[in-house]
Amino acid sequence: MVTTQITDRQKVLAWLKFINEDDQAIIDDVIHHCKTDPEARKYFVARHDEDVLNIYQPQLHLIENAA
């Protein structure tokens, strides 16, 4: 089994991509806000965990079992 830790920054970036955010200024602002405000980071990481993982978790499970 392969275990990979993804950082909070990676989670936030994945969620922004998931919602099709492509404005670099907005992306930079969100990342900066997450660096300086723990509550903002917690919010965006939760969005990732609820939105992105709920959709891709079944596929991730299949990938982990194949490794």
PDB file of N, CA and C in Angstrom:
ATOM      1  N   MET A   1       0.842  -1.178   0.000  1.00  0.00           N
ATOM      2  CA  MET A   1       0.000   0.000   0.000  1.00  0.00           C
ATOM      3  C   MET A   1       0.888   1.243   0.000  1.00  0.00           C
ATOM      4  N   VAL A   2       0.552   2.201  -0.841  1.00  0.00           N
ATOM      5  CA  VAL A   2       1.293   3.446  -0.944  1.00  0.00           C
ATOM      6  C   VAL A   2       0.577   4.501  -0.118  1.00  0.00           C
ATOM      7  N   THR A   3       1.318   5.139   0.777  1.00  0.00           N
ATOM      8  CA  THR A   3       0.742   6.211   1.577  1.00  0.00           C
ATOM      9  C   THR A   3       1.383   7.517   1.161  1.00  0.00           C
ATOM     10  N   THR A   4       0.545   8.462   0.807  1.00  0.00           N
ATOM     11  CA  THR A   4       1.030   9.765   0.390  1.00  0.00           C
ATOM     12  C   THR A   4       0.312  10.827   1.199  1.00  0.00           C
ATOM     13  N   GLN A   5       1.080  11.686   1.833  1.00  0.00           N
ATOM     14  CA  GLN A   5       0.504  12.800   2.567  1.00  0.00           C
ATOM     15  C   GLN A   5       0.437  13.994   1.635  1.00  0.00           C
ATOM     16  N   ILE A   6      -0.706  14.638   1.573  1.00  0.00           N
ATOM     17  CA  ILE A   6      -0.753  15.856   0.801  1.00  0.00           C
ATOM     18  C   ILE A   6      -0.903  17.020   1.773  1.00  0.00           C
ATOM     19  N   THR A   7      -0.251  18.099   1.433  1.00  0.00           N
ATOM     20  CA  THR A   7      -0.240  19.254   2.318  1.00  0.00           C
ATOM     21  C   THR A   7      -1.560  20.010   2.229  1.00  0.00           C
ATOM     22  N   ASP A   8      -1.787  20.860   3.222  1.00  0.00           N
ATOM     23  CA  ASP A   8      -2.975  21.701   3.181  1.00  0.00           C
ATOM     24  C   ASP A   8      -2.955  22.575   1.935  1.00  0.00           C
ATOM     25  N   ARG A   9      -1.788  23.087   1.568  1.00  0.00           N
ATOM     26  CA  ARG A   9      -1.673  23.931   0.370  1.00  0.00           C
ATOM     27  C   ARG A   9      -2.103  23.152  -0.871  1.00  0.00           C
ATOM     28  N   GLN A  10      -1.665  21.907  -0.975  1.00  0.00           N
ATOM     29  CA  GLN A  10      -2.049  21.079  -2.112  1.00  0.00           C
ATOM     30  C   GLN A  10      -3.556  20.824  -2.125  1.00  0.00           C
ATOM     31  N   LYS A  11      -4.141  20.640  -0.941  1.00  0.00           N
ATOM     32  CA  LYS A  11      -5.580  20.434  -0.855  1.00  0.00           C
ATOM     33  C   LYS A  11      -6.335  21.676  -1.328  1.00  0.00           C
ATOM     34  N   VAL A  12      -5.871  22.841  -0.879  1.00  0.00           N
ATOM     35  CA  VAL A  12      -6.531  24.089  -1.276  1.00  0.00           C
ATOM     36  C   VAL A  12      -6.410  24.277  -2.790  1.00  0.00           C
ATOM     37  N   LEU A  13      -5.228  24.047  -3.331  1.00  0.00           N
ATOM     38  CA  LEU A  13      -5.035  24.188  -4.775  1.00  0.00           C
ATOM     39  C   LEU A  13      -5.900  23.187  -5.548  1.00  0.00           C
ATOM     40  N   ALA A  14      -6.010  21.972  -5.043  1.00  0.00           N
ATOM     41  CA  ALA A  14      -6.846  20.964  -5.704  1.00  0.00           C
ATOM     42  C   ALA A  14      -8.312  21.386  -5.684  1.00  0.00           C
ATOM     43  N   TRP A  15      -8.758  21.950  -4.568  1.00  0.00           N
ATOM     44  CA  TRP A  15     -10.143  22.387  -4.489  1.00  0.00           C
ATOM     45  C   TRP A  15     -10.399  23.552  -5.447  1.00  0.00           C
ATOM     46  N   LEU A  16      -9.456  24.493  -5.505  1.00  0.00           N
ATOM     47  CA  LEU A  16      -9.616  25.615  -6.434  1.00  0.00           C
ATOM     48  C   LEU A  16      -9.699  25.111  -7.872  1.00  0.00           C
ATOM     49  N   LYS A  17      -8.880  24.122  -8.205  1.00  0.00           N
ATOM     50  CA  LYS A  17      -8.952  23.534  -9.543  1.00  0.00           C
ATOM     51  C   LYS A  17     -10.289  22.821  -9.740  1.00  0.00           C
ATOM     52  N   PHE A  18     -10.738  22.121  -8.719  1.00  0.00           N
ATOM     53  CA  PHE A  18     -12.003  21.399  -8.754  1.00  0.00           C
ATOM     54  C   PHE A  18     -13.169  22.334  -9.080  1.00  0.00           C
ATOM     55  N   ILE A  19     -13.134  23.563  -8.533  1.00  0.00           N
ATOM     56  CA  ILE A  19     -14.215  24.520  -8.796  1.00  0.00           C
ATOM     57  C   ILE A  19     -13.928  25.366 -10.038  1.00  0.00           C
ATOM     58  N   ASN A  20     -12.893  24.973 -10.775  1.00  0.00           N
ATOM     59  CA  ASN A  20     -12.515  25.647 -12.026  1.00  0.00           C
ATOM     60  C   ASN A  20     -12.060  27.087 -11.835  1.00  0.00           C
ATOM     61  N   GLU A  21     -11.445  27.351 -10.690  1.00  0.00           N
ATOM     62  CA  GLU A  21     -10.884  28.686 -10.470  1.00  0.00           C
ATOM     63  C   GLU A  21      -9.558  28.760 -11.212  1.00  0.00           C
ATOM     64  N   ASP A  22      -9.456  29.688 -12.155  1.00  0.00           N
ATOM     65  CA  ASP A  22      -8.214  29.804 -12.912  1.00  0.00           C
ATOM     66  C   ASP A  22      -7.638  31.222 -12.896  1.00  0.00           C
ATOM     67  N   ASP A  23      -8.255  32.097 -12.129  1.00  0.00           N
ATOM     68  CA  ASP A  23      -7.739  33.459 -11.989  1.00  0.00           C
ATOM     69  C   ASP A  23      -6.570  33.424 -10.999  1.00  0.00           C
ATOM     70  N   GLN A  24      -5.363  33.628 -11.513  1.00  0.00           N
ATOM     71  CA  GLN A  24      -4.168  33.495 -10.669  1.00  0.00           C
ATOM     72  C   GLN A  24      -4.178  34.462  -9.490  1.00  0.00           C
ATOM     73  N   ALA A  25      -4.748  35.644  -9.670  1.00  0.00           N
ATOM     74  CA  ALA A  25      -4.816  36.614  -8.565  1.00  0.00           C
ATOM     75  C   ALA A  25      -5.686  36.077  -7.428  1.00  0.00           C
ATOM     76  N   ILE A  26      -6.790  35.436  -7.772  1.00  0.00           N
ATOM     77  CA  ILE A  26      -7.659  34.860  -6.752  1.00  0.00           C
ATOM     78  C   ILE A  26      -6.974  33.687  -6.078  1.00  0.00           C
ATOM     79  N   ILE A  27      -6.337  32.849  -6.861  1.00  0.00           N
ATOM     80  CA  ILE A  27      -5.608  31.706  -6.304  1.00  0.00           C
ATOM     81  C   ILE A  27      -4.537  32.187  -5.329  1.00  0.00           C
ATOM     82  N   ASP A  28      -3.752  33.174  -5.745  1.00  0.00           N
ATOM     83  CA  ASP A  28      -2.703  33.721  -4.877  1.00  0.00           C
ATOM     84  C   ASP A  28      -3.296  34.305  -3.600  1.00  0.00           C
ATOM     85  N   ASP A  29      -4.421  35.000  -3.733  1.00  0.00           N
ATOM     86  CA  ASP A  29      -5.064  35.607  -2.569  1.00  0.00           C
ATOM     87  C   ASP A  29      -5.541  34.541  -1.586  1.00  0.00           C
ATOM     88  N   VAL A  30      -6.151  33.483  -2.109  1.00  0.00           N
ATOM     89  CA  VAL A  30      -6.627  32.400  -1.239  1.00  0.00           C
ATOM     90  C   VAL A  30      -5.451  31.738  -0.526  1.00  0.00           C
ATOM     91  N   ILE A  31      -4.387  31.439  -1.254  1.00  0.00           N
ATOM     92  CA  ILE A  31      -3.211  30.807  -0.641  1.00  0.00           C
ATOM     93  C   ILE A  31      -2.607  31.711   0.432  1.00  0.00           C
ATOM     94  N   HIS A  32      -2.494  32.991   0.126  1.00  0.00           N
ATOM     95  CA  HIS A  32      -1.960  33.939   1.126  1.00  0.00           C
ATOM     96  C   HIS A  32      -2.870  33.981   2.353  1.00  0.00           C
ATOM     97  N   HIS A  33      -4.163  34.032   2.118  1.00  0.00           N
ATOM     98  CA  HIS A  33      -5.116  34.085   3.228  1.00  0.00           C
ATOM     99  C   HIS A  33      -4.995  32.827   4.093  1.00  0.00           C
ATOM    100  N   CYS A  34      -4.807  31.690   3.462  1.00  0.00           N
ATOM    101  CA  CYS A  34      -4.663  30.435   4.205  1.00  0.00           C
ATOM    102  C   CYS A  34      -3.378  30.406   5.028  1.00  0.00           C
ATOM    103  N   LYS A  35      -2.327  31.064   4.524  1.00  0.00           N
ATOM    104  CA  LYS A  35      -1.064  31.115   5.259  1.00  0.00           C
ATOM    105  C   LYS A  35      -1.172  31.984   6.504  1.00  0.00           C
ATOM    106  N   THR A  36      -2.025  33.010   6.444  1.00  0.00           N
ATOM    107  CA  THR A  36      -2.077  33.984   7.529  1.00  0.00           C
ATOM    108  C   THR A  36      -3.277  33.829   8.448  1.00  0.00           C
ATOM    109  N   ASP A  37      -4.242  33.012   8.066  1.00  0.00           N
ATOM    110  CA  ASP A  37      -5.465  32.861   8.851  1.00  0.00           C
ATOM    111  C   ASP A  37      -5.792  31.378   9.001  1.00  0.00           C
ATOM    112  N   PRO A  38      -5.523  30.829  10.179  1.00  0.00           N
ATOM    113  CA  PRO A  38      -5.778  29.396  10.384  1.00  0.00           C
ATOM    114  C   PRO A  38      -7.234  28.990  10.140  1.00  0.00           C
ATOM    115  N   GLU A  39      -8.171  29.869  10.443  1.00  0.00           N
ATOM    116  CA  GLU A  39      -9.582  29.546  10.202  1.00  0.00           C
ATOM    117  C   GLU A  39      -9.891  29.459   8.710  1.00  0.00           C
ATOM    118  N   ALA A  40      -9.277  30.329   7.925  1.00  0.00           N
ATOM    119  CA  ALA A  40      -9.456  30.263   6.469  1.00  0.00           C
ATOM    120  C   ALA A  40      -8.877  28.965   5.930  1.00  0.00           C
ATOM    121  N   ARG A  41      -7.675  28.607   6.405  1.00  0.00           N
ATOM    122  CA  ARG A  41      -7.054  27.355   5.963  1.00  0.00           C
ATOM    123  C   ARG A  41      -7.948  26.168   6.319  1.00  0.00           C
ATOM    124  N   LYS A  42      -8.474  26.178   7.520  1.00  0.00           N
ATOM    125  CA  LYS A  42      -9.362  25.099   7.963  1.00  0.00           C
ATOM    126  C   LYS A  42     -10.596  25.011   7.059  1.00  0.00           C
ATOM    127  N   TYR A  43     -11.171  26.157   6.701  1.00  0.00           N
ATOM    128  CA  TYR A  43     -12.345  26.197   5.834  1.00  0.00           C
ATOM    129  C   TYR A  43     -12.044  25.590   4.463  1.00  0.00           C
ATOM    130  N   PHE A  44     -10.952  26.036   3.832  1.00  0.00           N
ATOM    131  CA  PHE A  44     -10.644  25.565   2.487  1.00  0.00           C
ATOM    132  C   PHE A  44     -10.225  24.096   2.473  1.00  0.00           C
ATOM    133  N   VAL A  45      -9.524  23.659   3.487  1.00  0.00           N
ATOM    134  CA  VAL A  45      -9.166  22.235   3.573  1.00  0.00           C
ATOM    135  C   VAL A  45     -10.446  21.400   3.738  1.00  0.00           C
ATOM    136  N   ALA A  46     -11.377  21.906   4.525  1.00  0.00           N
ATOM    137  CA  ALA A  46     -12.652  21.198   4.692  1.00  0.00           C
ATOM    138  C   ALA A  46     -13.413  21.127   3.376  1.00  0.00           C
ATOM    139  N   ARG A  47     -13.378  22.197   2.588  1.00  0.00           N
ATOM    140  CA  ARG A  47     -14.032  22.178   1.275  1.00  0.00           C
ATOM    141  C   ARG A  47     -13.424  21.074   0.415  1.00  0.00           C
ATOM    142  N   HIS A  48     -12.106  20.974   0.426  1.00  0.00           N
ATOM    143  CA  HIS A  48     -11.429  19.901  -0.318  1.00  0.00           C
ATOM    144  C   HIS A  48     -11.906  18.536   0.170  1.00  0.00           C
ATOM    145  N   ASP A  49     -11.838  18.359   1.478  1.00  0.00           N
ATOM    146  CA  ASP A  49     -12.164  17.043   2.030  1.00  0.00           C
ATOM    147  C   ASP A  49     -13.616  16.661   1.741  1.00  0.00           C
ATOM    148  N   GLU A  50     -14.523  17.617   1.768  1.00  0.00           N
ATOM    149  CA  GLU A  50     -15.930  17.308   1.529  1.00  0.00           C
ATOM    150  C   GLU A  50     -16.247  17.170   0.048  1.00  0.00           C
ATOM    151  N   ASP A  51     -15.711  18.052  -0.765  1.00  0.00           N
ATOM    152  CA  ASP A  51     -16.066  18.064  -2.186  1.00  0.00           C
ATOM    153  C   ASP A  51     -15.207  17.120  -3.007  1.00  0.00           C
ATOM    154  N   VAL A  52     -13.919  17.313  -2.973  1.00  0.00           N
ATOM    155  CA  VAL A  52     -13.021  16.550  -3.836  1.00  0.00           C
ATOM    156  C   VAL A  52     -12.954  15.091  -3.401  1.00  0.00           C
ATOM    157  N   LEU A  53     -12.735  14.850  -2.125  1.00  0.00           N
ATOM    158  CA  LEU A  53     -12.594  13.465  -1.680  1.00  0.00           C
ATOM    159  C   LEU A  53     -13.877  12.665  -1.828  1.00  0.00           C
ATOM    160  N   ASN A  54     -15.022  13.301  -1.646  1.00  0.00           N
ATOM    161  CA  ASN A  54     -16.286  12.568  -1.806  1.00  0.00           C
ATOM    162  C   ASN A  54     -16.463  12.057  -3.221  1.00  0.00           C
ATOM    163  N   ILE A  55     -15.928  12.772  -4.182  1.00  0.00           N
ATOM    164  CA  ILE A  55     -16.059  12.349  -5.571  1.00  0.00           C
ATOM    165  C   ILE A  55     -14.982  11.326  -5.941  1.00  0.00           C
ATOM    166  N   TYR A  56     -13.749  11.551  -5.488  1.00  0.00           N
ATOM    167  CA  TYR A  56     -12.634  10.721  -5.947  1.00  0.00           C
ATOM    168  C   TYR A  56     -12.241   9.603  -4.988  1.00  0.00           C
ATOM    169  N   GLN A  57     -12.795   9.541  -3.804  1.00  0.00           N
ATOM    170  CA  GLN A  57     -12.406   8.517  -2.838  1.00  0.00           C
ATOM    171  C   GLN A  57     -12.560   7.099  -3.387  1.00  0.00           C
ATOM    172  N   PRO A  58     -13.642   6.770  -4.081  1.00  0.00           N
ATOM    173  CA  PRO A  58     -13.738   5.393  -4.616  1.00  0.00           C
ATOM    174  C   PRO A  58     -12.600   5.058  -5.581  1.00  0.00           C
ATOM    175  N   GLN A  59     -12.209   5.999  -6.421  1.00  0.00           N
ATOM    176  CA  GLN A  59     -11.113   5.757  -7.353  1.00  0.00           C
ATOM    177  C   GLN A  59      -9.779   5.639  -6.606  1.00  0.00           C
ATOM    178  N   LEU A  60      -9.594   6.461  -5.576  1.00  0.00           N
ATOM    179  CA  LEU A  60      -8.345   6.382  -4.804  1.00  0.00           C
ATOM    180  C   LEU A  60      -8.217   5.025  -4.131  1.00  0.00           C
ATOM    181  N   HIS A  61      -9.318   4.498  -3.640  1.00  0.00           N
ATOM    182  CA  HIS A  61      -9.306   3.194  -3.007  1.00  0.00           C
ATOM    183  C   HIS A  61      -8.882   2.114  -4.002  1.00  0.00           C
ATOM    184  N   LEU A  62      -9.365   2.194  -5.223  1.00  0.00           N
ATOM    185  CA  LEU A  62      -8.991   1.218  -6.249  1.00  0.00           C
ATOM    186  C   LEU A  62      -7.501   1.313  -6.589  1.00  0.00           C
ATOM    187  N   ILE A  63      -6.987   2.538  -6.652  1.00  0.00           N
ATOM    188  CA  ILE A  63      -5.575   2.746  -6.955  1.00  0.00           C
ATOM    189  C   ILE A  63      -4.700   2.186  -5.832  1.00  0.00           C
ATOM    190  N   GLU A  64      -5.078   2.460  -4.579  1.00  0.00           N
ATOM    191  CA  GLU A  64      -4.306   1.962  -3.438  1.00  0.00           C
ATOM    192  C   GLU A  64      -4.282   0.441  -3.434  1.00  0.00           C
ATOM    193  N   ASN A  65      -5.392  -0.188  -3.747  1.00  0.00           N
ATOM    194  CA  ASN A  65      -5.442  -1.657  -3.746  1.00  0.00           C
ATOM    195  C   ASN A  65      -4.651  -2.270  -4.881  1.00  0.00           C
ATOM    196  N   ALA A  66      -4.460  -1.537  -5.964  1.00  0.00           N
ATOM    197  CA  ALA A  66      -3.714  -2.055  -7.103  1.00  0.00           C
ATOM    198  C   ALA A  66      -2.213  -1.961  -6.885  1.00  0.00           C
ATOM    199  N   ALA A  67      -1.783  -1.099  -5.975  1.00  0.00           N
ATOM    200  CA  ALA A  67      -0.331  -0.885  -5.765  1.00  0.00           C
ATOM    201  C   ALA A  67       0.305  -2.029  -5.027  1.00  0.00           C
TER     202      ALA A  67
END
